[in-house]
Every structure is written in structure tokens, then in C-alpha cells.
N, C-alpha and C. Protein backbone atom coordinates (compact mmCIF):
# COMPACT_ATOMS: atom_id res chain seq x y z
N MET A 1 81.52 78.91 90.95
CA MET A 1 80.79 78.38 91.97
C MET A 1 79.37 79.06 91.93
N ALA A 2 79.74 80.72 90.87
CA ALA A 2 78.50 81.52 90.35
C ALA A 2 77.34 81.44 91.82
N LEU A 3 75.96 81.56 91.57
CA LEU A 3 75.31 81.87 92.75
C LEU A 3 75.15 80.63 93.46
N TYR A 4 75.76 81.06 94.85
CA TYR A 4 75.89 80.21 96.36
C TYR A 4 74.06 80.28 97.07
N LEU A 5 74.05 81.70 96.96
CA LEU A 5 72.76 81.43 98.24
C LEU A 5 71.63 82.39 97.70
N LYS A 6 70.49 82.53 97.61
CA LYS A 6 69.31 83.95 97.14
C LYS A 6 68.04 83.66 97.93
N LYS A 7 67.95 84.21 98.62
CA LYS A 7 66.51 84.52 99.61
C LYS A 7 65.94 85.52 99.21
N GLU A 8 64.56 85.39 99.39
CA GLU A 8 63.21 86.55 99.08
C GLU A 8 62.95 86.29 100.42
N LEU A 9 62.88 87.92 100.72
CA LEU A 9 62.46 87.80 102.49
C LEU A 9 60.97 88.36 101.98
N GLU A 10 60.47 88.37 103.39
CA GLU A 10 58.84 88.52 103.52
C GLU A 10 58.49 89.77 103.25
N ASN A 11 59.54 90.49 103.97
CA ASN A 11 59.36 92.27 103.92
C ASN A 11 60.09 92.56 102.25
N GLY A 12 60.09 91.71 101.30
CA GLY A 12 60.06 92.06 99.84
C GLY A 12 61.76 92.61 99.51
N ALA A 13 62.44 92.31 100.36
CA ALA A 13 63.96 92.18 99.79
C ALA A 13 64.19 90.68 99.50
N THR A 14 65.19 91.30 98.36
CA THR A 14 65.87 89.80 97.84
C THR A 14 67.79 89.97 98.30
N ILE A 15 68.02 88.76 98.80
CA ILE A 15 69.87 88.80 99.36
C ILE A 15 70.17 87.65 98.32
N ALA A 16 71.14 88.19 97.38
CA ALA A 16 72.01 86.80 97.33
C ALA A 16 73.53 86.83 97.30
N VAL A 17 73.80 85.73 97.53
CA VAL A 17 75.06 85.37 97.77
C VAL A 17 76.05 85.03 96.68
N TRP A 18 77.32 85.28 96.12
CA TRP A 18 77.97 84.69 95.46
C TRP A 18 79.59 84.00 95.66
N LYS A 19 79.99 82.85 96.02
CA LYS A 19 80.95 82.66 96.50
C LYS A 19 82.21 82.48 95.44
N VAL A 20 83.33 83.60 95.81
CA VAL A 20 84.28 83.85 94.51
C VAL A 20 85.13 82.69 94.26
N GLU A 21 85.02 81.53 93.46
CA GLU A 21 85.94 80.88 93.36
C GLU A 21 86.65 80.76 91.83
N GLU A 22 85.96 81.72 90.74
CA GLU A 22 86.35 81.80 89.62
C GLU A 22 87.74 82.65 89.36
N THR A 23 88.17 82.57 88.03
CA THR A 23 90.02 83.50 88.21
C THR A 23 89.25 84.69 87.59
N GLU A 24 90.03 86.07 87.58
CA GLU A 24 89.13 87.12 87.20
C GLU A 24 88.96 87.00 85.58
N GLU A 25 89.25 86.41 84.30
CA GLU A 25 89.06 85.97 83.26
C GLU A 25 87.41 85.43 83.44
N GLU A 26 87.81 84.37 84.02
CA GLU A 26 86.19 83.64 83.85
C GLU A 26 84.88 84.56 84.62
N LEU A 27 85.32 85.67 85.59
CA LEU A 27 84.57 86.69 86.01
C LEU A 27 83.93 87.85 85.09
N LYS A 28 85.40 87.88 84.15
CA LYS A 28 84.70 88.72 82.98
C LYS A 28 83.46 88.74 82.25
N ASN A 29 83.83 87.21 81.71
CA ASN A 29 83.13 86.41 80.90
C ASN A 29 81.68 86.40 81.45
N LEU A 30 81.87 86.13 82.71
CA LEU A 30 80.32 86.17 83.63
C LEU A 30 79.70 87.57 83.74
N SER A 31 80.08 88.61 84.21
CA SER A 31 79.79 89.71 84.00
C SER A 31 79.52 90.50 83.25
N SER A 32 79.87 90.35 81.84
CA SER A 32 79.19 91.29 80.53
C SER A 32 79.12 92.58 81.12
N ILE A 33 80.48 93.45 81.75
CA ILE A 33 80.93 94.53 82.23
C ILE A 33 80.74 95.60 81.13
N PRO A 34 80.51 96.64 81.45
CA PRO A 34 80.36 97.77 80.03
C PRO A 34 81.67 98.06 80.44
N SER A 35 82.04 98.93 79.34
CA SER A 35 83.61 99.10 79.34
C SER A 35 84.21 100.88 80.50
N ASP A 36 82.95 101.24 80.37
CA ASP A 36 83.31 102.55 81.27
C ASP A 36 83.41 101.93 83.06
N GLU A 37 82.81 100.63 83.67
CA GLU A 37 82.80 100.12 84.31
C GLU A 37 84.02 99.21 84.91
N MET A 38 84.24 98.64 83.11
CA MET A 38 85.44 97.71 83.61
C MET A 38 86.78 98.65 83.61
N GLU A 39 86.98 99.50 83.32
CA GLU A 39 88.10 100.48 83.10
C GLU A 39 88.23 100.90 84.77
N GLU A 40 86.82 101.35 85.57
CA GLU A 40 87.23 101.65 86.78
C GLU A 40 87.69 100.53 87.72
N ILE A 41 87.16 99.26 87.09
CA ILE A 41 88.03 98.26 88.53
C ILE A 41 89.19 98.07 88.12
N SER A 42 89.09 97.59 86.75
CA SER A 42 90.81 97.49 86.49
C SER A 42 91.89 98.62 87.11
N LEU A 43 91.66 99.83 87.19
CA LEU A 43 92.30 100.65 88.30
C LEU A 43 92.89 99.94 89.94
N TYR A 44 92.26 99.23 90.50
CA TYR A 44 92.60 98.39 91.45
C TYR A 44 93.72 97.84 91.45
N ARG A 45 94.42 97.71 92.35
CA ARG A 45 95.57 96.94 92.43
C ARG A 45 95.94 95.76 92.61
N SER A 46 95.23 95.29 93.80
CA SER A 46 94.51 94.13 94.22
C SER A 46 94.01 93.36 93.14
N GLU A 47 94.57 92.12 93.12
CA GLU A 47 93.61 90.90 91.96
C GLU A 47 92.10 90.70 93.17
N ASN A 48 92.51 90.36 94.27
CA ASN A 48 91.64 90.09 95.26
C ASN A 48 89.90 91.36 95.06
N THR A 49 90.57 92.58 95.21
CA THR A 49 89.33 93.29 94.92
C THR A 49 88.74 93.43 93.56
N ARG A 50 89.51 93.08 92.87
CA ARG A 50 88.94 92.99 91.25
C ARG A 50 88.52 92.17 91.13
N ARG A 51 88.83 90.70 91.56
CA ARG A 51 87.99 89.74 91.24
C ARG A 51 86.45 89.88 91.95
N GLN A 52 86.39 90.95 93.40
CA GLN A 52 85.22 90.96 94.30
C GLN A 52 84.42 91.57 93.42
N LYS A 53 85.08 92.75 92.75
CA LYS A 53 83.90 93.80 92.05
C LYS A 53 83.74 93.17 90.67
N LEU A 54 84.33 92.16 90.18
CA LEU A 54 83.68 91.52 89.00
C LEU A 54 82.75 90.91 89.28
N ALA A 55 83.03 89.73 90.81
CA ALA A 55 81.92 89.19 91.25
C ALA A 55 80.44 89.74 91.13
N VAL A 56 80.34 91.01 92.30
CA VAL A 56 79.32 91.62 92.38
C VAL A 56 78.68 92.06 91.12
N ARG A 57 79.34 92.19 89.94
CA ARG A 57 78.55 92.57 88.27
C ARG A 57 78.13 91.05 87.61
N ALA A 58 78.89 90.20 88.21
CA ALA A 58 78.41 88.54 88.00
C ALA A 58 76.95 88.68 88.50
N LEU A 59 77.13 88.68 89.99
CA LEU A 59 75.70 88.67 90.64
C LEU A 59 74.40 89.22 90.34
N LEU A 60 74.58 90.68 89.85
CA LEU A 60 73.94 91.25 89.15
C LEU A 60 73.00 90.68 88.20
N ASN A 61 74.27 90.46 87.34
CA ASN A 61 73.81 89.98 85.80
C ASN A 61 72.95 88.59 85.92
N GLU A 62 73.25 88.04 87.26
CA GLU A 62 72.37 86.91 87.36
C GLU A 62 71.39 87.13 87.96
N LEU A 63 70.81 88.27 88.32
CA LEU A 63 69.60 88.35 89.24
C LEU A 63 68.87 89.19 88.66
N PHE A 64 69.04 89.86 87.56
CA PHE A 64 68.52 90.77 86.39
C PHE A 64 68.50 90.53 85.29
N GLU A 65 66.98 90.26 84.34
CA GLU A 65 67.26 89.76 83.30
C GLU A 65 67.60 90.97 81.93
N GLU A 66 67.44 92.46 82.24
CA GLU A 66 68.28 92.94 81.71
C GLU A 66 69.28 93.53 82.23
N LYS A 67 70.23 94.44 81.35
CA LYS A 67 71.68 94.86 82.21
C LYS A 67 71.40 96.12 82.91
N VAL A 68 71.57 96.04 84.15
CA VAL A 68 71.82 97.24 85.35
C VAL A 68 73.37 97.88 85.16
N TYR A 69 73.08 99.12 85.68
CA TYR A 69 74.54 99.50 85.16
C TYR A 69 74.88 100.47 87.13
N LEU A 70 75.85 99.83 87.51
CA LEU A 70 75.97 100.15 89.20
C LEU A 70 76.89 101.23 89.14
N CYS A 71 76.63 102.30 89.98
CA CYS A 71 77.01 103.34 90.15
C CYS A 71 77.24 103.73 91.72
N HIS A 72 77.99 104.91 92.12
CA HIS A 72 78.34 105.17 93.39
C HIS A 72 78.06 106.73 93.67
N HIS A 73 77.38 107.09 94.67
CA HIS A 73 77.47 108.46 95.14
C HIS A 73 78.30 108.72 95.44
N ASP A 74 78.73 110.17 95.99
CA ASP A 74 79.97 110.79 96.72
C ASP A 74 80.61 110.01 97.91
N ASN A 75 79.25 109.58 98.68
CA ASN A 75 79.70 109.27 99.95
C ASN A 75 80.12 107.64 99.69
N GLY A 76 80.12 106.87 98.48
CA GLY A 76 80.61 105.60 98.20
C GLY A 76 79.46 105.05 97.74
N LYS A 77 78.15 105.37 98.59
CA LYS A 77 76.83 104.26 98.73
C LYS A 77 76.85 103.90 97.07
N PRO A 78 76.28 102.78 96.98
CA PRO A 78 76.11 102.00 95.79
C PRO A 78 74.71 102.64 95.03
N TYR A 79 74.59 102.32 94.09
CA TYR A 79 73.31 102.47 93.63
C TYR A 79 73.06 102.30 92.14
N LEU A 80 72.07 101.97 91.53
CA LEU A 80 71.79 101.48 90.06
C LEU A 80 71.24 102.35 89.30
N GLU A 81 71.85 102.39 88.10
CA GLU A 81 71.23 104.18 87.21
C GLU A 81 70.01 103.33 86.66
N ASN A 82 69.88 102.90 86.19
CA ASN A 82 68.88 102.53 85.48
C ASN A 82 67.48 101.44 86.36
N CYS A 83 67.40 101.36 87.38
CA CYS A 83 66.47 100.39 88.11
C CYS A 83 66.18 101.21 89.42
N ILE A 84 64.96 101.11 89.91
CA ILE A 84 64.14 101.76 91.22
C ILE A 84 64.96 100.99 92.58
N SER A 85 65.38 100.17 92.10
CA SER A 85 65.62 99.27 93.41
C SER A 85 66.55 99.28 93.96
N ASP A 86 66.65 99.62 95.18
CA ASP A 86 67.78 100.35 96.45
C ASP A 86 69.15 98.96 96.40
N ILE A 87 69.98 98.93 96.41
CA ILE A 87 71.05 98.08 96.97
C ILE A 87 72.25 98.39 98.11
N SER A 88 72.19 97.39 98.27
CA SER A 88 73.77 97.20 99.61
C SER A 88 74.38 96.14 99.10
N ILE A 89 75.76 96.79 99.44
CA ILE A 89 76.98 95.26 98.90
C ILE A 89 77.89 94.98 99.91
N THR A 90 78.43 93.49 100.62
CA THR A 90 79.20 93.55 100.95
C THR A 90 80.58 92.32 100.62
N HIS A 91 81.64 92.03 100.60
CA HIS A 91 82.42 91.67 100.28
C HIS A 91 83.21 91.20 101.26
N THR A 92 83.80 89.96 101.33
CA THR A 92 84.97 89.17 101.71
C THR A 92 86.06 88.75 100.85
N ASP A 93 87.20 88.15 101.41
CA ASP A 93 87.75 87.58 100.37
C ASP A 93 87.31 86.14 99.54
N GLY A 94 86.39 85.64 100.17
CA GLY A 94 85.48 84.78 99.56
C GLY A 94 83.94 84.50 98.98
N TYR A 95 83.55 85.96 99.24
CA TYR A 95 82.13 86.15 99.18
C TYR A 95 81.91 87.63 98.82
N VAL A 96 80.98 87.81 97.94
CA VAL A 96 80.00 88.89 97.73
C VAL A 96 79.01 88.80 98.25
N ALA A 97 78.12 89.64 98.63
CA ALA A 97 76.26 89.74 98.80
C ALA A 97 76.05 91.23 98.85
N ILE A 98 75.02 90.88 98.11
CA ILE A 98 73.75 92.28 97.99
C ILE A 98 72.67 92.03 98.62
N ILE A 99 72.02 92.89 98.74
CA ILE A 99 70.32 93.09 99.16
C ILE A 99 69.88 94.31 98.08
N LEU A 100 68.79 93.87 97.83
CA LEU A 100 67.63 94.72 97.12
C LEU A 100 66.31 94.76 97.66
N HIS A 101 65.76 96.17 97.48
CA HIS A 101 64.42 96.51 97.67
C HIS A 101 63.70 98.00 96.95
N ASP A 102 62.91 97.70 96.59
CA ASP A 102 61.94 98.58 95.58
C ASP A 102 61.82 99.63 96.03
N GLU A 103 61.41 99.67 97.61
CA GLU A 103 61.12 100.92 98.51
C GLU A 103 61.59 101.20 100.16
N GLU A 104 62.31 100.17 100.31
CA GLU A 104 62.88 100.86 101.59
C GLU A 104 64.37 100.87 101.79
N GLY A 105 64.87 101.82 102.46
CA GLY A 105 66.57 101.63 102.69
C GLY A 105 66.94 100.09 103.04
N ILE A 106 68.28 100.06 102.77
CA ILE A 106 68.50 98.51 103.56
C ILE A 106 70.22 98.65 103.33
N GLY A 107 70.69 97.55 104.34
CA GLY A 107 72.42 97.45 104.77
C GLY A 107 72.36 95.93 104.83
N ILE A 108 73.88 95.70 104.59
CA ILE A 108 74.05 94.39 104.39
C ILE A 108 75.91 94.30 104.68
N ASP A 109 75.96 92.93 105.46
CA ASP A 109 77.96 93.38 105.97
C ASP A 109 78.08 91.79 105.80
N ILE A 110 79.37 91.36 105.23
CA ILE A 110 79.14 90.05 105.63
C ILE A 110 80.90 90.39 105.97
N GLU A 111 81.19 89.02 107.33
CA GLU A 111 82.63 88.49 107.88
C GLU A 111 83.03 87.50 108.02
N SER A 112 84.27 87.27 107.64
CA SER A 112 84.66 85.92 107.90
C SER A 112 84.67 85.55 109.48
N LEU A 113 84.54 84.05 110.02
CA LEU A 113 84.70 84.14 111.47
C LEU A 113 85.99 83.64 112.30
N ASP A 114 87.07 83.87 110.42
CA ASP A 114 88.52 83.34 110.87
C ASP A 114 89.39 84.34 111.51
N ARG A 115 88.28 85.48 111.11
CA ARG A 115 88.93 87.21 111.46
C ARG A 115 89.18 87.25 113.06
N ASP A 116 90.28 87.31 113.31
CA ASP A 116 90.56 88.63 114.93
C ASP A 116 89.42 89.21 115.35
N PHE A 117 87.96 89.53 115.74
CA PHE A 117 87.32 90.87 116.45
C PHE A 117 87.69 91.49 117.20
N SER A 118 88.74 91.10 118.51
CA SER A 118 88.72 91.62 119.66
C SER A 118 89.02 92.99 119.66
N ALA A 119 89.64 93.54 118.28
CA ALA A 119 89.45 95.03 118.32
C ALA A 119 88.01 95.99 118.22
N VAL A 120 87.12 95.39 117.71
CA VAL A 120 85.82 95.79 117.98
C VAL A 120 85.02 95.83 119.00
N GLU A 121 85.32 95.03 120.35
CA GLU A 121 84.92 94.95 121.42
C GLU A 121 85.42 96.65 122.02
N LYS A 122 86.24 96.65 121.76
CA LYS A 122 87.18 98.38 122.20
C LYS A 122 86.49 99.73 121.35
N LYS A 123 86.59 98.96 120.05
CA LYS A 123 86.31 100.64 119.47
C LYS A 123 84.99 100.72 119.03
N ALA A 124 83.82 99.68 119.16
CA ALA A 124 82.68 100.12 118.69
C ALA A 124 81.36 99.41 119.12
N LEU A 125 81.74 98.60 120.89
CA LEU A 125 80.86 98.31 121.39
C LEU A 125 80.59 98.94 123.01
N SER A 126 79.16 99.06 123.04
CA SER A 126 78.81 99.90 123.95
C SER A 126 79.46 99.30 125.60
N GLU A 127 79.23 99.79 126.88
CA GLU A 127 79.55 98.69 128.15
C GLU A 127 78.91 98.06 128.32
N ASP A 128 77.14 97.95 127.84
CA ASP A 128 76.25 96.69 128.14
C ASP A 128 76.41 95.97 127.13
N GLU A 129 76.58 95.96 126.01
CA GLU A 129 77.01 95.56 125.29
C GLU A 129 78.19 94.48 125.43
N ILE A 130 79.14 95.39 125.68
CA ILE A 130 80.27 93.87 126.19
C ILE A 130 79.69 93.48 127.86
N GLU A 131 79.64 94.19 128.47
CA GLU A 131 79.20 93.31 129.53
C GLU A 131 77.89 92.05 128.91
N ASP A 132 77.15 92.10 128.07
CA ASP A 132 76.91 90.97 127.18
C ASP A 132 77.59 90.04 126.75
N LEU A 133 78.69 89.87 126.76
CA LEU A 133 79.86 89.37 125.86
C LEU A 133 79.97 87.51 126.85
N ASP A 134 79.74 86.73 125.99
CA ASP A 134 80.04 85.28 126.66
C ASP A 134 81.23 84.61 125.68
N ASP A 135 82.17 84.52 127.01
CA ASP A 135 83.51 84.07 126.71
C ASP A 135 83.74 82.78 125.87
N ASP A 136 82.24 81.89 125.71
CA ASP A 136 82.90 81.07 124.88
C ASP A 136 82.05 80.82 123.49
N THR A 137 81.59 82.70 123.23
CA THR A 137 80.95 82.89 121.63
C THR A 137 81.52 84.20 121.70
N LYS A 138 82.53 84.64 122.40
CA LYS A 138 82.90 85.91 121.98
C LYS A 138 83.26 86.36 120.81
N ASN A 139 83.74 85.82 119.99
CA ASN A 139 84.47 86.13 118.51
C ASN A 139 83.60 86.13 117.49
N GLU A 140 82.26 84.86 117.46
CA GLU A 140 81.47 85.22 117.08
C GLU A 140 80.02 86.03 117.71
N GLN A 141 80.10 86.14 118.45
CA GLN A 141 79.11 87.11 118.99
C GLN A 141 79.56 88.61 118.21
N LEU A 142 81.31 89.44 118.43
CA LEU A 142 81.95 90.21 118.23
C LEU A 142 81.35 90.27 116.51
N ALA A 143 81.92 89.82 115.84
CA ALA A 143 81.33 89.59 114.54
C ALA A 143 79.92 89.68 114.38
N ILE A 144 78.88 89.41 114.46
CA ILE A 144 77.24 89.55 114.46
C ILE A 144 77.61 91.29 114.84
N TYR A 145 77.99 91.40 116.35
CA TYR A 145 77.86 92.96 116.42
C TYR A 145 78.69 94.02 115.61
N TRP A 146 79.52 93.80 114.87
CA TRP A 146 80.02 94.20 113.85
C TRP A 146 79.40 94.50 112.70
N CYS A 147 79.04 93.35 112.33
CA CYS A 147 78.15 93.29 111.04
C CYS A 147 76.92 94.41 111.09
N ALA A 148 76.08 93.61 112.10
CA ALA A 148 75.02 94.45 112.38
C ALA A 148 75.39 95.99 112.45
N LYS A 149 76.18 96.72 113.12
CA LYS A 149 76.33 98.19 113.08
C LYS A 149 76.76 98.77 111.99
N GLU A 150 77.61 97.78 110.78
CA GLU A 150 78.00 98.09 109.83
C GLU A 150 76.44 98.12 108.39
N ALA A 151 75.82 97.35 108.77
CA ALA A 151 74.44 97.25 107.99
C ALA A 151 73.48 98.40 108.19
N ILE A 152 73.66 99.29 109.48
CA ILE A 152 72.65 100.41 109.90
C ILE A 152 73.26 101.44 109.38
N PHE A 153 74.96 101.13 109.54
CA PHE A 153 75.63 102.35 109.06
C PHE A 153 75.58 102.80 107.48
N LYS A 154 75.23 101.55 106.50
CA LYS A 154 75.30 101.50 105.13
C LYS A 154 73.97 102.01 104.81
N LEU A 155 73.09 101.56 105.63
CA LEU A 155 71.53 101.86 105.00
C LEU A 155 71.40 103.75 105.86
N MET A 156 72.38 104.14 107.02
CA MET A 156 71.97 105.59 107.24
C MET A 156 72.55 106.66 106.18
N SER A 157 74.16 105.80 106.03
CA SER A 157 74.79 106.60 105.37
C SER A 157 75.24 108.04 105.83
N PRO A 158 75.42 107.99 107.26
CA PRO A 158 75.92 109.32 107.76
C PRO A 158 77.08 109.35 107.50
N SER A 159 78.20 110.52 107.15
CA SER A 159 79.39 110.79 107.36
C SER A 159 80.24 110.24 107.86
N ALA A 160 79.88 110.67 109.53
CA ALA A 160 80.34 109.60 110.46
C ALA A 160 79.77 109.46 111.79
N VAL A 161 79.79 108.42 112.51
CA VAL A 161 79.43 107.74 113.08
C VAL A 161 80.05 107.03 114.21
N ASP A 162 79.73 107.26 115.78
CA ASP A 162 80.38 106.54 116.64
C ASP A 162 79.42 105.11 117.22
N PHE A 163 80.29 104.40 116.66
CA PHE A 163 79.51 103.02 116.64
C PHE A 163 78.82 102.29 118.11
N ALA A 164 80.34 102.45 119.62
CA ALA A 164 80.09 102.70 120.66
C ALA A 164 78.73 103.81 121.03
N GLU A 165 78.95 104.46 120.65
CA GLU A 165 77.44 105.44 121.17
C GLU A 165 76.10 105.57 120.58
N GLN A 166 76.22 105.19 119.44
CA GLN A 166 74.84 105.81 118.73
C GLN A 166 74.40 104.48 118.32
N ILE A 167 74.65 103.02 117.66
CA ILE A 167 74.33 102.25 117.37
C ILE A 167 73.92 101.31 119.11
N GLU A 168 73.00 100.81 119.33
CA GLU A 168 73.43 99.98 120.41
C GLU A 168 72.38 98.58 120.02
N VAL A 169 72.81 97.41 119.90
CA VAL A 169 72.53 96.57 119.58
C VAL A 169 72.13 95.38 120.96
N GLU A 170 70.54 95.00 120.78
CA GLU A 170 70.14 93.99 121.88
C GLU A 170 70.74 92.86 122.26
N LYS A 171 70.55 92.43 123.31
CA LYS A 171 71.22 91.48 123.90
C LYS A 171 70.78 89.91 123.12
N PHE A 172 71.28 89.35 122.29
CA PHE A 172 71.47 87.94 122.04
C PHE A 172 72.05 86.92 122.08
N SER A 173 71.78 85.77 121.93
CA SER A 173 72.47 84.46 122.07
C SER A 173 72.87 83.82 120.48
N PRO A 174 74.07 83.71 120.52
CA PRO A 174 74.45 83.60 118.64
C PRO A 174 74.06 82.03 118.14
N LYS A 175 73.29 81.92 117.28
CA LYS A 175 72.59 80.38 116.46
C LYS A 175 73.42 80.59 115.18
N GLY A 176 72.93 80.18 114.44
CA GLY A 176 72.97 79.06 113.02
C GLY A 176 72.70 80.44 112.28
N GLU A 177 71.45 81.18 112.74
CA GLU A 177 70.58 82.08 112.26
C GLU A 177 69.96 82.89 113.30
N GLY A 178 69.04 84.07 112.69
CA GLY A 178 68.56 84.70 114.05
C GLY A 178 68.17 86.35 114.07
N GLU A 179 67.31 86.73 114.72
CA GLU A 179 66.45 88.05 114.64
C GLU A 179 67.90 89.21 115.51
N LEU A 180 67.75 89.86 115.26
CA LEU A 180 68.30 91.45 116.26
C LEU A 180 67.36 92.23 116.30
N GLU A 181 67.76 93.63 117.24
CA GLU A 181 67.18 94.71 117.47
C GLU A 181 68.23 95.28 118.22
N ALA A 182 68.12 96.90 117.03
CA ALA A 182 69.29 97.76 117.53
C ALA A 182 68.50 99.36 117.73
N THR A 183 69.19 99.94 118.00
CA THR A 183 67.88 101.11 118.19
C THR A 183 70.01 102.47 117.22
N PHE A 184 69.13 103.44 116.92
CA PHE A 184 70.18 103.92 116.13
C PHE A 184 70.01 105.18 116.91
N VAL A 185 70.79 106.43 117.49
CA VAL A 185 70.90 107.60 117.94
C VAL A 185 71.39 109.01 117.34
N GLN A 186 70.38 109.37 116.52
CA GLN A 186 71.25 110.72 115.57
C GLN A 186 72.27 111.70 116.89
N LYS A 187 72.49 112.15 116.12
CA LYS A 187 73.66 113.61 117.13
C LYS A 187 72.56 114.31 117.53
N ASP A 188 71.58 114.40 117.06
CA ASP A 188 70.15 115.55 117.66
C ASP A 188 69.55 114.77 118.90
N GLY A 189 69.85 113.13 119.03
CA GLY A 189 69.05 113.15 119.72
C GLY A 189 67.92 112.22 119.63
N ARG A 190 67.20 112.14 118.28
CA ARG A 190 66.73 111.53 118.10
C ARG A 190 66.73 110.01 118.07
N GLU A 191 65.93 109.19 118.15
CA GLU A 191 66.16 107.57 117.97
C GLU A 191 65.38 106.99 116.41
N MET A 192 65.83 105.81 116.20
CA MET A 192 65.50 105.13 115.09
C MET A 192 65.52 103.74 115.68
N GLU A 193 64.88 102.95 115.27
CA GLU A 193 64.76 101.11 115.68
C GLU A 193 64.94 100.62 114.62
N PHE A 194 66.07 99.33 114.84
CA PHE A 194 65.79 98.23 113.50
C PHE A 194 65.70 97.56 114.12
N ASP A 195 65.57 96.46 113.06
CA ASP A 195 65.02 94.92 113.11
C ASP A 195 66.21 94.25 112.29
N LEU A 196 66.84 93.44 112.52
CA LEU A 196 67.87 92.82 111.45
C LEU A 196 67.63 91.19 111.27
N GLU A 197 68.08 90.92 110.87
CA GLU A 197 68.30 89.01 110.38
C GLU A 197 70.07 88.96 110.37
N TYR A 198 70.52 87.52 110.68
CA TYR A 198 71.55 87.22 110.18
C TYR A 198 71.65 85.70 110.10
N LEU A 199 72.76 85.23 109.26
CA LEU A 199 73.38 84.46 108.65
C LEU A 199 73.98 83.52 109.23
N VAL A 200 74.75 82.62 109.43
CA VAL A 200 76.20 81.93 109.97
C VAL A 200 76.13 80.76 108.56
N PHE A 201 77.09 81.02 107.78
CA PHE A 201 77.58 79.90 106.84
C PHE A 201 78.93 79.91 106.49
N ASP A 202 79.33 78.49 106.18
CA ASP A 202 80.43 78.45 105.90
C ASP A 202 81.57 79.07 106.52
N ARG A 203 81.94 79.55 107.84
CA ARG A 203 82.28 80.33 108.87
C ARG A 203 82.41 81.83 108.61
N HIS A 204 81.34 82.45 107.82
CA HIS A 204 80.93 83.39 107.47
C HIS A 204 79.45 83.97 108.54
N VAL A 205 79.88 85.32 108.49
CA VAL A 205 78.73 86.20 109.09
C VAL A 205 77.80 86.96 108.29
N LEU A 206 76.70 86.96 108.07
CA LEU A 206 75.92 87.96 107.18
C LEU A 206 74.56 88.66 108.24
N VAL A 207 74.77 89.81 107.72
CA VAL A 207 73.56 90.60 108.36
C VAL A 207 73.09 91.69 107.60
N TRP A 208 71.69 91.68 108.12
CA TRP A 208 71.30 92.56 106.65
C TRP A 208 69.93 93.27 107.72
N THR A 209 69.10 94.49 107.36
CA THR A 209 68.56 95.16 107.55
C THR A 209 68.15 95.74 106.58
N VAL A 210 66.23 96.05 106.62
CA VAL A 210 65.30 96.52 105.94
C VAL A 210 64.54 97.71 106.45
N GLY A 211 64.83 99.14 106.19
CA GLY A 211 64.01 100.15 106.84
C GLY A 211 64.02 100.47 108.09
N TYR A 212 63.68 100.81 108.93
CA TYR A 212 63.48 101.39 110.23
C TYR A 212 62.48 101.95 110.60
N ASP A 213 62.17 102.39 112.06
CA ASP A 213 61.03 102.72 113.07
C ASP A 213 61.34 103.93 113.17
N ASN A 214 60.92 105.24 113.56
CA ASN A 214 61.06 106.35 114.47
C ASN A 214 60.59 105.50 115.76
N ALA A 215 61.40 105.47 116.92
CA ALA A 215 61.56 105.22 118.21
C ALA A 215 60.68 106.93 118.79
N ASP A 216 60.57 107.67 118.40
CA ASP A 216 59.81 108.74 118.88
C ASP A 216 58.62 109.30 118.83
């Protein structure tokens, strides 16, 4: 399938999505991965996981004229070794997506709407967020809540976060695409405000955020 979607945002970020339909061998040919990265990918037992990892490299190969090297910090956050762009990565069985920005911190997350998100209500939502749920669109709302909180978590990269207590997403009505507002409360009480965007396509939800504002 190759590149499924590419968006250049007004804030300077680039979002790209790859629909993973190729075989493992086809993805290897598309991604031209250095041997050390290929060795790392080969250690994953799951073929789906290997294909997702390869698709991320293929997507980077599509976006950059020169080869970039994907690495990870000790906390698992990805970075590009030979490029100034910050990067965030997300994947499901059917898609991988990345967001890039040269100056701001970023976060992105994708989920399939065919997944049951009922557990998210209990473990990741505040009382106010639960009250805002609509029975008619509940699973989609939960998916968007989850993706939004994951995107913020990826940007902040803390060691641990209580999604229900520390990340509050303002009330919204799910549509095909839209904007969200959220607040992250650090353990010392300081607050940061986030603007997020989301897109619904092919029974999937994609949410991303770029930078933040100090609320204090």
C-alpha cells in the first residue's frame, strides 16, 4: 500500500500514515534498514510486530531523502540519530503512523475502533470525563480519550502517569475529525495545557499533539 496519508500541519509538524499490507520481505526491500537495526527487529517473535517495525522504517525512507537512523532512549522514546526532527511513533495491526517536528515536542497515538475500550473508562478517565460519555458514541469517545492521553504521555515521557488523575480532556462530541483541549497536572501541581487534533478513518482513530503551554 505504501504511503496512506501525509499531512503538513500549520504548526510545522508532519504526519504520515502507512497501511501495512505488504509481506515482511516486501517491507524489508522498501525500508533499506542498516544491519544493526535489522538484527534488532529480527528479535521480535511476532511477525505482526516485525512488519510494524519494518513499516515504520519504510515510512521514514519515504519521508526523508537521506537515510535516517531510528534509535530509542532508555525510557523507550524514539529519536532520529542523524536528524534534528523530534519523532513520535504509533502502530496497530493495520497501520503505523509518525509525527515529526523540528522544534517542538510531539506525541501521536492510533487505535482501531473495533477494539473494546470499556476498560479505559475504569482505569483512565476522571469522574467528569465519565459523566461526559454518550451511550450512542461511547466506544469512539473512549478511543479518542485514550489516544489523546497516550499522545500527551508520549510527549511528556514521564516514568509514570495516572491517566485518570493527571490528564484531563475537555468535553467533546466525536466527529470525523476535530480538535481537543487537555490539561496535564504534574505531581508537583504544575499544570500544562495541550491542544490536540484527531482524525477518524477506516475504523481507526489517530490523535496527535504538538508542544504545550504552561497554565501557571
